[in-house]
Amino acid sequence: MKEEIGYITLSRELMKAKDGYTAICEELQLTTCGATFEEAERRLSRAMTMLLDTATKRGELESLLKERGIPFFSAKGARILSSCNANVKPGQWISIETRELALA
């Protein structure tokens, strides 16, 4: 079976918590935390990558995306937003990122 290259779009929400920062990727149902904004962001990014890489290695990426309702966009002729950042309210930050993936 031929690989299909495409993209998914995921959000990252970081917010100030009592003792640091909380980071959430709602689409992948992941939550992490860190003492600093950068640490929470780094941990969430690592968790997102690990989940997607593990699903890919197990041949479960397509079912994971369907299960979580994450659209897969074909790369053919696609002009997709690569990232967008926004401050929502004091102590909260949202980032939208597009990741390239290969479905087997």
PDB file of N, CA and C in Angstrom:
ATOM      1  N   MET A   1       0.839  -1.183   0.000  1.00  0.00           N
ATOM      2  CA  MET A   1       0.000   0.000   0.000  1.00  0.00           C
ATOM      3  C   MET A   1       0.887   1.250   0.000  1.00  0.00           C
ATOM      4  N   LYS A   2       0.535   2.202  -0.810  1.00  0.00           N
ATOM      5  CA  LYS A   2       1.322   3.422  -0.952  1.00  0.00           C
ATOM      6  C   LYS A   2       1.017   4.418   0.175  1.00  0.00           C
ATOM      7  N   GLU A   3       2.068   5.076   0.662  1.00  0.00           N
ATOM      8  CA  GLU A   3       1.911   6.098   1.702  1.00  0.00           C
ATOM      9  C   GLU A   3       1.227   7.328   1.124  1.00  0.00           C
ATOM     10  N   GLU A   4       0.349   7.917   1.915  1.00  0.00           N
ATOM     11  CA  GLU A   4      -0.269   9.187   1.530  1.00  0.00           C
ATOM     12  C   GLU A   4       0.258  10.260   2.470  1.00  0.00           C
ATOM     13  N   ILE A   5       0.866  11.281   1.901  1.00  0.00           N
ATOM     14  CA  ILE A   5       1.398  12.385   2.699  1.00  0.00           C
ATOM     15  C   ILE A   5       0.316  13.441   2.839  1.00  0.00           C
ATOM     16  N   GLY A   6       0.151  13.934   4.029  1.00  0.00           N
ATOM     17  CA  GLY A   6      -0.861  14.957   4.266  1.00  0.00           C
ATOM     18  C   GLY A   6      -0.572  15.701   5.551  1.00  0.00           C
ATOM     19  N   TYR A   7      -1.578  16.417   6.034  1.00  0.00           N
ATOM     20  CA  TYR A   7      -1.413  17.300   7.188  1.00  0.00           C
ATOM     21  C   TYR A   7      -2.570  17.165   8.151  1.00  0.00           C
ATOM     22  N   ILE A   8      -2.284  17.397   9.430  1.00  0.00           N
ATOM     23  CA  ILE A   8      -3.319  17.551  10.441  1.00  0.00           C
ATOM     24  C   ILE A   8      -3.065  18.881  11.147  1.00  0.00           C
ATOM     25  N   THR A   9      -4.104  19.435  11.714  1.00  0.00           N
ATOM     26  CA  THR A   9      -3.982  20.690  12.452  1.00  0.00           C
ATOM     27  C   THR A   9      -4.366  20.428  13.902  1.00  0.00           C
ATOM     28  N   LEU A  10      -3.485  20.842  14.807  1.00  0.00           N
ATOM     29  CA  LEU A  10      -3.685  20.614  16.235  1.00  0.00           C
ATOM     30  C   LEU A  10      -3.553  21.930  16.994  1.00  0.00           C
ATOM     31  N   SER A  11      -4.260  22.024  18.101  1.00  0.00           N
ATOM     32  CA  SER A  11      -4.137  23.216  18.936  1.00  0.00           C
ATOM     33  C   SER A  11      -3.346  22.887  20.195  1.00  0.00           C
ATOM     34  N   ARG A  12      -2.703  23.898  20.718  1.00  0.00           N
ATOM     35  CA  ARG A  12      -2.019  23.814  22.007  1.00  0.00           C
ATOM     36  C   ARG A  12      -2.501  24.994  22.833  1.00  0.00           C
ATOM     37  N   GLU A  13      -3.027  24.705  24.001  1.00  0.00           N
ATOM     38  CA  GLU A  13      -3.491  25.761  24.895  1.00  0.00           C
ATOM     39  C   GLU A  13      -2.646  25.718  26.157  1.00  0.00           C
ATOM     40  N   LEU A  14      -2.037  26.821  26.495  1.00  0.00           N
ATOM     41  CA  LEU A  14      -1.237  26.923  27.714  1.00  0.00           C
ATOM     42  C   LEU A  14      -1.842  27.989  28.606  1.00  0.00           C
ATOM     43  N   MET A  15      -1.897  27.677  29.894  1.00  0.00           N
ATOM     44  CA  MET A  15      -2.457  28.654  30.819  1.00  0.00           C
ATOM     45  C   MET A  15      -1.719  28.627  32.146  1.00  0.00           C
ATOM     46  N   LYS A  16      -1.717  29.769  32.776  1.00  0.00           N
ATOM     47  CA  LYS A  16      -1.087  29.902  34.088  1.00  0.00           C
ATOM     48  C   LYS A  16      -1.914  29.122  35.095  1.00  0.00           C
ATOM     49  N   ALA A  17      -1.234  28.305  35.880  1.00  0.00           N
ATOM     50  CA  ALA A  17      -1.870  27.549  36.952  1.00  0.00           C
ATOM     51  C   ALA A  17      -1.318  28.039  38.286  1.00  0.00           C
ATOM     52  N   LYS A  18      -1.811  27.504  39.360  1.00  0.00           N
ATOM     53  CA  LYS A  18      -1.386  27.945  40.686  1.00  0.00           C
ATOM     54  C   LYS A  18       0.126  27.825  40.874  1.00  0.00           C
ATOM     55  N   ASP A  19       0.692  26.674  40.490  1.00  0.00           N
ATOM     56  CA  ASP A  19       2.118  26.430  40.713  1.00  0.00           C
ATOM     57  C   ASP A  19       2.902  26.252  39.424  1.00  0.00           C
ATOM     58  N   GLY A  20       2.558  26.950  38.371  1.00  0.00           N
ATOM     59  CA  GLY A  20       3.262  26.818  37.098  1.00  0.00           C
ATOM     60  C   GLY A  20       2.325  27.012  35.925  1.00  0.00           C
ATOM     61  N   TYR A  21       2.428  26.135  34.947  1.00  0.00           N
ATOM     62  CA  TYR A  21       1.624  26.230  33.727  1.00  0.00           C
ATOM     63  C   TYR A  21       1.056  24.864  33.353  1.00  0.00           C
ATOM     64  N   THR A  22      -0.132  24.885  32.777  1.00  0.00           N
ATOM     65  CA  THR A  22      -0.787  23.690  32.257  1.00  0.00           C
ATOM     66  C   THR A  22      -0.852  23.828  30.742  1.00  0.00           C
ATOM     67  N   ALA A  23      -0.594  22.729  30.039  1.00  0.00           N
ATOM     68  CA  ALA A  23      -0.622  22.726  28.574  1.00  0.00           C
ATOM     69  C   ALA A  23      -1.553  21.601  28.106  1.00  0.00           C
ATOM     70  N   ILE A  24      -2.425  21.921  27.148  1.00  0.00           N
ATOM     71  CA  ILE A  24      -3.446  20.976  26.683  1.00  0.00           C
ATOM     72  C   ILE A  24      -3.467  20.913  25.162  1.00  0.00           C
ATOM     73  N   CYS A  25      -3.555  19.699  24.627  1.00  0.00           N
ATOM     74  CA  CYS A  25      -3.881  19.496  23.221  1.00  0.00           C
ATOM     75  C   CYS A  25      -5.215  18.752  23.240  1.00  0.00           C
ATOM     76  N   GLU A  26      -6.286  19.497  23.018  1.00  0.00           N
ATOM     77  CA  GLU A  26      -7.627  18.932  23.113  1.00  0.00           C
ATOM     78  C   GLU A  26      -7.865  17.818  22.086  1.00  0.00           C
ATOM     79  N   GLU A  27      -7.370  18.015  20.867  1.00  0.00           N
ATOM     80  CA  GLU A  27      -7.604  17.037  19.806  1.00  0.00           C
ATOM     81  C   GLU A  27      -6.997  15.671  20.134  1.00  0.00           C
ATOM     82  N   LEU A  28      -5.801  15.667  20.719  1.00  0.00           N
ATOM     83  CA  LEU A  28      -5.133  14.408  21.065  1.00  0.00           C
ATOM     84  C   LEU A  28      -5.441  13.961  22.494  1.00  0.00           C
ATOM     85  N   GLN A  29      -6.230  14.752  23.218  1.00  0.00           N
ATOM     86  CA  GLN A  29      -6.623  14.465  24.589  1.00  0.00           C
ATOM     87  C   GLN A  29      -5.400  14.297  25.490  1.00  0.00           C
ATOM     88  N   LEU A  30      -4.471  15.262  25.376  1.00  0.00           N
ATOM     89  CA  LEU A  30      -3.243  15.254  26.172  1.00  0.00           C
ATOM     90  C   LEU A  30      -3.194  16.487  27.066  1.00  0.00           C
ATOM     91  N   THR A  31      -2.707  16.309  28.280  1.00  0.00           N
ATOM     92  CA  THR A  31      -2.497  17.416  29.212  1.00  0.00           C
ATOM     93  C   THR A  31      -1.155  17.212  29.900  1.00  0.00           C
ATOM     94  N   THR A  32      -0.372  18.272  29.980  1.00  0.00           N
ATOM     95  CA  THR A  32       0.895  18.235  30.700  1.00  0.00           C
ATOM     96  C   THR A  32       1.002  19.506  31.534  1.00  0.00           C
ATOM     97  N   CYS A  33       2.065  19.595  32.314  1.00  0.00           N
ATOM     98  CA  CYS A  33       2.299  20.800  33.095  1.00  0.00           C
ATOM     99  C   CYS A  33       3.795  21.030  33.219  1.00  0.00           C
ATOM    100  N   GLY A  34       4.152  22.205  33.684  1.00  0.00           N
ATOM    101  CA  GLY A  34       5.554  22.528  33.896  1.00  0.00           C
ATOM    102  C   GLY A  34       5.669  23.720  34.820  1.00  0.00           C
ATOM    103  N   ALA A  35       6.835  23.853  35.418  1.00  0.00           N
ATOM    104  CA  ALA A  35       7.077  24.971  36.325  1.00  0.00           C
ATOM    105  C   ALA A  35       7.089  26.300  35.561  1.00  0.00           C
ATOM    106  N   THR A  36       7.529  26.247  34.293  1.00  0.00           N
ATOM    107  CA  THR A  36       7.572  27.454  33.460  1.00  0.00           C
ATOM    108  C   THR A  36       6.729  27.236  32.208  1.00  0.00           C
ATOM    109  N   PHE A  37       6.414  28.324  31.539  1.00  0.00           N
ATOM    110  CA  PHE A  37       5.672  28.269  30.287  1.00  0.00           C
ATOM    111  C   PHE A  37       6.414  27.392  29.277  1.00  0.00           C
ATOM    112  N   GLU A  38       7.715  27.621  29.156  1.00  0.00           N
ATOM    113  CA  GLU A  38       8.534  26.885  28.189  1.00  0.00           C
ATOM    114  C   GLU A  38       8.570  25.388  28.496  1.00  0.00           C
ATOM    115  N   GLU A  39       8.675  25.043  29.770  1.00  0.00           N
ATOM    116  CA  GLU A  39       8.708  23.632  30.154  1.00  0.00           C
ATOM    117  C   GLU A  39       7.376  22.947  29.832  1.00  0.00           C
ATOM    118  N   ALA A  40       6.271  23.593  30.149  1.00  0.00           N
ATOM    119  CA  ALA A  40       4.954  23.017  29.849  1.00  0.00           C
ATOM    120  C   ALA A  40       4.769  22.860  28.342  1.00  0.00           C
ATOM    121  N   GLU A  41       5.179  23.859  27.579  1.00  0.00           N
ATOM    122  CA  GLU A  41       5.073  23.802  26.118  1.00  0.00           C
ATOM    123  C   GLU A  41       5.946  22.680  25.553  1.00  0.00           C
ATOM    124  N   ARG A  42       7.158  22.560  26.035  1.00  0.00           N
ATOM    125  CA  ARG A  42       8.086  21.523  25.573  1.00  0.00           C
ATOM    126  C   ARG A  42       7.548  20.123  25.898  1.00  0.00           C
ATOM    127  N   ARG A  43       7.023  19.956  27.101  1.00  0.00           N
ATOM    128  CA  ARG A  43       6.473  18.656  27.498  1.00  0.00           C
ATOM    129  C   ARG A  43       5.261  18.275  26.640  1.00  0.00           C
ATOM    130  N   LEU A  44       4.398  19.244  26.351  1.00  0.00           N
ATOM    131  CA  LEU A  44       3.233  18.947  25.517  1.00  0.00           C
ATOM    132  C   LEU A  44       3.664  18.589  24.104  1.00  0.00           C
ATOM    133  N   SER A  45       4.591  19.343  23.561  1.00  0.00           N
ATOM    134  CA  SER A  45       5.085  19.057  22.211  1.00  0.00           C
ATOM    135  C   SER A  45       5.681  17.650  22.147  1.00  0.00           C
ATOM    136  N   ARG A  46       6.460  17.284  23.158  1.00  0.00           N
ATOM    137  CA  ARG A  46       7.072  15.948  23.217  1.00  0.00           C
ATOM    138  C   ARG A  46       5.988  14.868  23.313  1.00  0.00           C
ATOM    139  N   ALA A  47       4.968  15.087  24.147  1.00  0.00           N
ATOM    140  CA  ALA A  47       3.881  14.107  24.304  1.00  0.00           C
ATOM    141  C   ALA A  47       3.097  13.945  22.998  1.00  0.00           C
ATOM    142  N   MET A  48       2.863  15.055  22.296  1.00  0.00           N
ATOM    143  CA  MET A  48       2.156  15.002  21.018  1.00  0.00           C
ATOM    144  C   MET A  48       2.952  14.181  20.004  1.00  0.00           C
ATOM    145  N   THR A  49       4.240  14.457  19.923  1.00  0.00           N
ATOM    146  CA  THR A  49       5.109  13.745  18.985  1.00  0.00           C
ATOM    147  C   THR A  49       5.179  12.260  19.332  1.00  0.00           C
ATOM    148  N   MET A  50       5.325  11.950  20.616  1.00  0.00           N
ATOM    149  CA  MET A  50       5.406  10.550  21.031  1.00  0.00           C
ATOM    150  C   MET A  50       4.124   9.790  20.694  1.00  0.00           C
ATOM    151  N   LEU A  51       2.971  10.393  20.940  1.00  0.00           N
ATOM    152  CA  LEU A  51       1.701   9.730  20.644  1.00  0.00           C
ATOM    153  C   LEU A  51       1.558   9.473  19.145  1.00  0.00           C
ATOM    154  N   LEU A  52       1.847  10.488  18.321  1.00  0.00           N
ATOM    155  CA  LEU A  52       1.720  10.339  16.870  1.00  0.00           C
ATOM    156  C   LEU A  52       2.743   9.345  16.317  1.00  0.00           C
ATOM    157  N   ASP A  53       3.977   9.402  16.816  1.00  0.00           N
ATOM    158  CA  ASP A  53       5.015   8.461  16.363  1.00  0.00           C
ATOM    159  C   ASP A  53       4.671   7.020  16.742  1.00  0.00           C
ATOM    160  N   THR A  54       4.189   6.823  17.956  1.00  0.00           N
ATOM    161  CA  THR A  54       3.819   5.478  18.410  1.00  0.00           C
ATOM    162  C   THR A  54       2.659   4.932  17.579  1.00  0.00           C
ATOM    163  N   ALA A  55       1.653   5.752  17.337  1.00  0.00           N
ATOM    164  CA  ALA A  55       0.513   5.318  16.513  1.00  0.00           C
ATOM    165  C   ALA A  55       0.970   4.971  15.101  1.00  0.00           C
ATOM    166  N   THR A  56       1.911   5.745  14.561  1.00  0.00           N
ATOM    167  CA  THR A  56       2.441   5.484  13.217  1.00  0.00           C
ATOM    168  C   THR A  56       3.181   4.150  13.196  1.00  0.00           C
ATOM    169  N   LYS A  57       4.063   3.920  14.168  1.00  0.00           N
ATOM    170  CA  LYS A  57       4.850   2.680  14.225  1.00  0.00           C
ATOM    171  C   LYS A  57       3.967   1.450  14.382  1.00  0.00           C
ATOM    172  N   ARG A  58       2.858   1.593  15.080  1.00  0.00           N
ATOM    173  CA  ARG A  58       1.944   0.466  15.300  1.00  0.00           C
ATOM    174  C   ARG A  58       0.929   0.307  14.171  1.00  0.00           C
ATOM    175  N   GLY A  59       0.972   1.210  13.196  1.00  0.00           N
ATOM    176  CA  GLY A  59       0.007   1.156  12.099  1.00  0.00           C
ATOM    177  C   GLY A  59      -1.391   1.594  12.525  1.00  0.00           C
ATOM    178  N   GLU A  60      -1.467   2.405  13.571  1.00  0.00           N
ATOM    179  CA  GLU A  60      -2.756   2.821  14.136  1.00  0.00           C
ATOM    180  C   GLU A  60      -3.049   4.311  13.949  1.00  0.00           C
ATOM    181  N   LEU A  61      -2.233   5.006  13.156  1.00  0.00           N
ATOM    182  CA  LEU A  61      -2.402   6.452  13.013  1.00  0.00           C
ATOM    183  C   LEU A  61      -3.756   6.809  12.430  1.00  0.00           C
ATOM    184  N   GLU A  62      -4.134   6.158  11.351  1.00  0.00           N
ATOM    185  CA  GLU A  62      -5.408   6.478  10.706  1.00  0.00           C
ATOM    186  C   GLU A  62      -6.584   6.280  11.664  1.00  0.00           C
ATOM    187  N   SER A  63      -6.574   5.171  12.408  1.00  0.00           N
ATOM    188  CA  SER A  63      -7.680   4.937  13.347  1.00  0.00           C
ATOM    189  C   SER A  63      -7.649   5.936  14.507  1.00  0.00           C
ATOM    190  N   LEU A  64      -6.456   6.335  14.966  1.00  0.00           N
ATOM    191  CA  LEU A  64      -6.346   7.346  16.023  1.00  0.00           C
ATOM    192  C   LEU A  64      -6.970   8.662  15.567  1.00  0.00           C
ATOM    193  N   LEU A  65      -6.626   9.082  14.341  1.00  0.00           N
ATOM    194  CA  LEU A  65      -7.166  10.336  13.822  1.00  0.00           C
ATOM    195  C   LEU A  65      -8.685  10.271  13.696  1.00  0.00           C
ATOM    196  N   LYS A  66      -9.201   9.160  13.197  1.00  0.00           N
ATOM    197  CA  LYS A  66     -10.659   8.998  13.061  1.00  0.00           C
ATOM    198  C   LYS A  66     -11.336   8.976  14.423  1.00  0.00           C
ATOM    199  N   GLU A  67     -10.752   8.229  15.350  1.00  0.00           N
ATOM    200  CA  GLU A  67     -11.285   8.122  16.711  1.00  0.00           C
ATOM    201  C   GLU A  67     -11.411   9.477  17.389  1.00  0.00           C
ATOM    202  N   ARG A  68     -10.412  10.306  17.187  1.00  0.00           N
ATOM    203  CA  ARG A  68     -10.374  11.615  17.859  1.00  0.00           C
ATOM    204  C   ARG A  68     -11.000  12.732  17.018  1.00  0.00           C
ATOM    205  N   GLY A  69     -11.485  12.382  15.829  1.00  0.00           N
ATOM    206  CA  GLY A  69     -12.153  13.379  14.975  1.00  0.00           C
ATOM    207  C   GLY A  69     -11.204  14.407  14.383  1.00  0.00           C
ATOM    208  N   ILE A  70      -9.962  13.995  14.110  1.00  0.00           N
ATOM    209  CA  ILE A  70      -8.951  14.907  13.570  1.00  0.00           C
ATOM    210  C   ILE A  70      -8.897  14.735  12.054  1.00  0.00           C
ATOM    211  N   PRO A  71      -9.272  15.758  11.291  1.00  0.00           N
ATOM    212  CA  PRO A  71      -9.241  15.637   9.823  1.00  0.00           C
ATOM    213  C   PRO A  71      -7.818  15.511   9.282  1.00  0.00           C
ATOM    214  N   PHE A  72      -7.658  14.661   8.280  1.00  0.00           N
ATOM    215  CA  PHE A  72      -6.391  14.488   7.573  1.00  0.00           C
ATOM    216  C   PHE A  72      -6.547  15.145   6.213  1.00  0.00           C
ATOM    217  N   PHE A  73      -5.701  16.129   5.914  1.00  0.00           N
ATOM    218  CA  PHE A  73      -5.774  16.862   4.650  1.00  0.00           C
ATOM    219  C   PHE A  73      -4.690  16.356   3.711  1.00  0.00           C
ATOM    220  N   SER A  74      -5.081  15.992   2.512  1.00  0.00           N
ATOM    221  CA  SER A  74      -4.131  15.534   1.509  1.00  0.00           C
ATOM    222  C   SER A  74      -3.172  16.658   1.161  1.00  0.00           C
ATOM    223  N   ALA A  75      -1.918  16.304   0.891  1.00  0.00           N
ATOM    224  CA  ALA A  75      -0.900  17.312   0.582  1.00  0.00           C
ATOM    225  C   ALA A  75      -1.009  17.828  -0.848  1.00  0.00           C
ATOM    226  N   LYS A  76      -1.750  17.143  -1.698  1.00  0.00           N
ATOM    227  CA  LYS A  76      -1.842  17.546  -3.104  1.00  0.00           C
ATOM    228  C   LYS A  76      -2.475  18.930  -3.226  1.00  0.00           C
ATOM    229  N   GLY A  77      -1.685  19.872  -3.669  1.00  0.00           N
ATOM    230  CA  GLY A  77      -2.172  21.227  -3.896  1.00  0.00           C
ATOM    231  C   GLY A  77      -2.600  21.969  -2.644  1.00  0.00           C
ATOM    232  N   ALA A  78      -2.243  21.454  -1.490  1.00  0.00           N
ATOM    233  CA  ALA A  78      -2.683  22.072  -0.239  1.00  0.00           C
ATOM    234  C   ALA A  78      -1.872  23.315   0.086  1.00  0.00           C
ATOM    235  N   ARG A  79      -2.548  24.333   0.541  1.00  0.00           N
ATOM    236  CA  ARG A  79      -1.916  25.541   1.069  1.00  0.00           C
ATOM    237  C   ARG A  79      -2.507  25.734   2.452  1.00  0.00           C
ATOM    238  N   ILE A  80      -1.842  25.135   3.413  1.00  0.00           N
ATOM    239  CA  ILE A  80      -2.385  25.074   4.764  1.00  0.00           C
ATOM    240  C   ILE A  80      -1.579  25.965   5.698  1.00  0.00           C
ATOM    241  N   LEU A  81      -2.277  26.631   6.583  1.00  0.00           N
ATOM    242  CA  LEU A  81      -1.657  27.460   7.607  1.00  0.00           C
ATOM    243  C   LEU A  81      -0.670  26.624   8.409  1.00  0.00           C
ATOM    244  N   SER A  82       0.574  27.084   8.554  1.00  0.00           N
ATOM    245  CA  SER A  82       1.570  26.296   9.277  1.00  0.00           C
ATOM    246  C   SER A  82       1.547  26.564  10.776  1.00  0.00           C
ATOM    247  N   SER A  83       1.230  27.773  11.187  1.00  0.00           N
ATOM    248  CA  SER A  83       1.092  28.030  12.612  1.00  0.00           C
ATOM    249  C   SER A  83       0.410  29.372  12.838  1.00  0.00           C
ATOM    250  N   CYS A  84      -0.177  29.500  13.993  1.00  0.00           N
ATOM    251  CA  CYS A  84      -0.867  30.729  14.370  1.00  0.00           C
ATOM    252  C   CYS A  84      -0.845  30.794  15.889  1.00  0.00           C
ATOM    253  N   ASN A  85      -0.503  31.928  16.451  1.00  0.00           N
ATOM    254  CA  ASN A  85      -0.477  32.105  17.894  1.00  0.00           C
ATOM    255  C   ASN A  85      -1.419  33.236  18.283  1.00  0.00           C
ATOM    256  N   ALA A  86      -2.036  33.108  19.449  1.00  0.00           N
ATOM    257  CA  ALA A  86      -2.936  34.157  19.911  1.00  0.00           C
ATOM    258  C   ALA A  86      -2.942  34.203  21.431  1.00  0.00           C
ATOM    259  N   ASN A  87      -2.932  35.392  21.957  1.00  0.00           N
ATOM    260  CA  ASN A  87      -3.156  35.576  23.388  1.00  0.00           C
ATOM    261  C   ASN A  87      -4.664  35.724  23.563  1.00  0.00           C
ATOM    262  N   VAL A  88      -5.261  34.862  24.360  1.00  0.00           N
ATOM    263  CA  VAL A  88      -6.703  34.854  24.513  1.00  0.00           C
ATOM    264  C   VAL A  88      -7.125  35.754  25.653  1.00  0.00           C
ATOM    265  N   LYS A  89      -6.554  35.552  26.808  1.00  0.00           N
ATOM    266  CA  LYS A  89      -6.784  36.395  27.973  1.00  0.00           C
ATOM    267  C   LYS A  89      -5.536  36.330  28.830  1.00  0.00           C
ATOM    268  N   PRO A  90      -5.369  37.208  29.781  1.00  0.00           N
ATOM    269  CA  PRO A  90      -4.154  37.173  30.596  1.00  0.00           C
ATOM    270  C   PRO A  90      -3.916  35.781  31.189  1.00  0.00           C
ATOM    271  N   GLY A  91      -2.705  35.280  31.009  1.00  0.00           N
ATOM    272  CA  GLY A  91      -2.350  33.980  31.540  1.00  0.00           C
ATOM    273  C   GLY A  91      -2.739  32.802  30.663  1.00  0.00           C
ATOM    274  N   GLN A  92      -3.288  33.076  29.459  1.00  0.00           N
ATOM    275  CA  GLN A  92      -3.684  32.002  28.550  1.00  0.00           C
ATOM    276  C   GLN A  92      -3.136  32.280  27.158  1.00  0.00           C
ATOM    277  N   TRP A  93      -2.670  31.230  26.482  1.00  0.00           N
ATOM    278  CA  TRP A  93      -2.069  31.349  25.156  1.00  0.00           C
ATOM    279  C   TRP A  93      -2.514  30.159  24.332  1.00  0.00           C
ATOM    280  N   ILE A  94      -2.893  30.386  23.077  1.00  0.00           N
ATOM    281  CA  ILE A  94      -3.309  29.293  22.193  1.00  0.00           C
ATOM    282  C   ILE A  94      -2.462  29.321  20.932  1.00  0.00           C
ATOM    283  N   SER A  95      -2.026  28.148  20.516  1.00  0.00           N
ATOM    284  CA  SER A  95      -1.229  27.991  19.308  1.00  0.00           C
ATOM    285  C   SER A  95      -1.904  26.942  18.431  1.00  0.00           C
ATOM    286  N   ILE A  96      -1.956  27.205  17.143  1.00  0.00           N
ATOM    287  CA  ILE A  96      -2.461  26.233  16.178  1.00  0.00           C
ATOM    288  C   ILE A  96      -1.270  25.822  15.316  1.00  0.00           C
ATOM    289  N   GLU A  97      -1.048  24.530  15.183  1.00  0.00           N
ATOM    290  CA  GLU A  97       0.064  24.077  14.372  1.00  0.00           C
ATOM    291  C   GLU A  97      -0.403  23.034  13.378  1.00  0.00           C
ATOM    292  N   THR A  98       0.272  22.968  12.250  1.00  0.00           N
ATOM    293  CA  THR A  98       0.004  21.967  11.233  1.00  0.00           C
ATOM    294  C   THR A  98       1.194  21.030  11.178  1.00  0.00           C
ATOM    295  N   ARG A  99       0.918  19.728  11.251  1.00  0.00           N
ATOM    296  CA  ARG A  99       1.990  18.718  11.201  1.00  0.00           C
ATOM    297  C   ARG A  99       1.834  17.867   9.961  1.00  0.00           C
ATOM    298  N   GLU A 100       2.956  17.615   9.305  1.00  0.00           N
ATOM    299  CA  GLU A 100       2.955  16.722   8.153  1.00  0.00           C
ATOM    300  C   GLU A 100       3.013  15.278   8.649  1.00  0.00           C
ATOM    301  N   LEU A 101       2.175  14.426   8.054  1.00  0.00           N
ATOM    302  CA  LEU A 101       2.120  13.010   8.434  1.00  0.00           C
ATOM    303  C   LEU A 101       2.040  12.151   7.186  1.00  0.00           C
ATOM    304  N   ALA A 102       2.392  10.887   7.341  1.00  0.00           N
ATOM    305  CA  ALA A 102       2.242   9.916   6.256  1.00  0.00           C
ATOM    306  C   ALA A 102       1.338   8.801   6.732  1.00  0.00           C
ATOM    307  N   LEU A 103       0.246   8.574   6.013  1.00  0.00           N
ATOM    308  CA  LEU A 103      -0.629   7.443   6.302  1.00  0.00           C
ATOM    309  C   LEU A 103      -0.228   6.292   5.412  1.00  0.00           C
ATOM    310  N   ALA A 104      -0.064   5.117   6.013  1.00  0.00           N
ATOM    311  CA  ALA A 104       0.335   3.929   5.233  1.00  0.00           C
ATOM    312  C   ALA A 104      -0.878   3.241   4.650  1.00  0.00           C
TER     313      ALA A 104
END
